[in-house]
Amino acid sequence: MDEFFNLSAAEAERPQFLIATVGAVASDGVTLIFAGESAPSTKKYKGNAALTLKAGDRVKLSYDSGTYLIDYVIGVPKSG
């Protein structure tokens, strides 16, 4: 057990963030294609409700409470 973060050994070894590609968008979440995978996950992931996502978007994920949450889309910043 990691005393500082109060994590189990398995959680302490899990990456705290990942980059993935959006496979498909549905009303109940999105499927993700993780590095090294060729097909999207069957699990649907949730995240920042202010995001507008589309298939092919690269996203940054954070690990929290047993799952990954989508933080934001990675790409060229929009100009004003």
Protein backbone atom coordinates (compact mmCIF):
# COMPACT_ATOMS: atom_id res chain seq x y z
CA MET A 1 0.00 0.00 0.00
CA ASP A 2 1.35 3.42 -0.96
CA GLU A 3 0.86 5.37 2.28
CA PHE A 4 1.18 8.83 0.73
CA PHE A 5 -1.61 8.39 -1.81
CA ASN A 6 -3.40 5.55 0.01
CA LEU A 7 -3.33 3.40 -3.15
CA SER A 8 -3.19 -0.38 -3.43
CA ALA A 9 -0.09 -1.85 -5.08
CA ALA A 10 -2.05 -2.51 -8.31
CA GLU A 11 -3.34 1.07 -8.43
CA ALA A 12 0.10 2.50 -7.69
CA GLU A 13 1.49 0.66 -10.76
CA ARG A 14 -1.37 1.74 -13.06
CA PRO A 15 -0.61 4.81 -15.21
CA GLN A 16 -2.38 7.82 -13.72
CA PHE A 17 -3.01 9.19 -17.20
CA LEU A 18 -3.12 7.85 -20.76
CA ILE A 19 -3.62 9.07 -24.30
CA ALA A 20 -6.23 7.27 -26.43
CA THR A 21 -8.22 7.74 -29.63
CA VAL A 22 -12.01 8.03 -29.63
CA GLY A 23 -13.51 5.05 -31.46
CA ALA A 24 -17.20 6.00 -31.44
CA VAL A 25 -19.45 8.45 -29.62
CA ALA A 26 -22.80 7.34 -28.14
CA SER A 27 -25.34 8.94 -25.82
CA ASP A 28 -23.98 6.96 -22.85
CA GLY A 29 -20.23 7.54 -23.41
CA VAL A 30 -17.45 6.91 -25.91
CA THR A 31 -15.43 3.86 -26.86
CA LEU A 32 -11.67 4.27 -26.86
CA ILE A 33 -8.80 2.79 -28.83
CA PHE A 34 -5.83 2.43 -26.50
CA ALA A 35 -2.17 2.32 -27.62
CA GLY A 36 -1.31 -1.02 -29.17
CA GLU A 37 -4.98 -1.89 -29.84
CA SER A 38 -6.59 -1.93 -33.27
CA ALA A 39 -10.24 -2.11 -32.18
CA PRO A 40 -12.20 0.15 -29.83
CA SER A 41 -13.04 -0.91 -26.28
CA THR A 42 -16.43 -2.40 -25.55
CA LYS A 43 -16.61 -0.33 -22.37
CA LYS A 44 -17.94 3.21 -22.74
CA TYR A 45 -16.07 5.98 -20.96
CA LYS A 46 -17.31 9.30 -19.62
CA GLY A 47 -15.54 12.55 -18.90
CA ASN A 48 -15.72 16.30 -19.20
CA ALA A 49 -19.35 17.03 -20.16
CA ALA A 50 -18.32 20.30 -21.85
CA LEU A 51 -16.39 18.42 -24.55
CA THR A 52 -17.62 17.83 -28.07
CA LEU A 53 -16.00 14.57 -29.19
CA LYS A 54 -15.90 12.78 -32.52
CA ALA A 55 -14.39 9.52 -33.72
CA GLY A 56 -10.67 9.92 -34.30
CA ASP A 57 -10.09 12.57 -31.63
CA ARG A 58 -6.99 12.00 -29.48
CA VAL A 59 -7.86 12.48 -25.79
CA LYS A 60 -6.03 12.66 -22.47
CA LEU A 61 -7.43 10.35 -19.79
CA SER A 62 -7.00 10.40 -16.00
CA TYR A 63 -7.46 7.39 -13.75
CA ASP A 64 -9.99 7.91 -10.97
CA SER A 65 -12.14 5.59 -8.86
CA GLY A 66 -11.41 2.44 -10.87
CA THR A 67 -11.81 3.84 -14.38
CA TYR A 68 -10.38 6.35 -16.81
CA LEU A 69 -12.14 9.68 -17.37
CA ILE A 70 -11.72 11.84 -20.47
CA ASP A 71 -10.13 15.17 -19.54
CA TYR A 72 -9.69 16.95 -22.86
CA VAL A 73 -9.04 16.64 -26.60
CA ILE A 74 -5.44 16.95 -27.79
CA GLY A 75 -4.81 18.92 -30.95
CA VAL A 76 -3.96 22.26 -32.44
CA PRO A 77 -5.28 25.07 -30.21
CA LYS A 78 -8.10 27.18 -31.60
CA SER A 79 -7.31 30.78 -32.38
CA GLY A 80 -9.55 33.67 -31.37
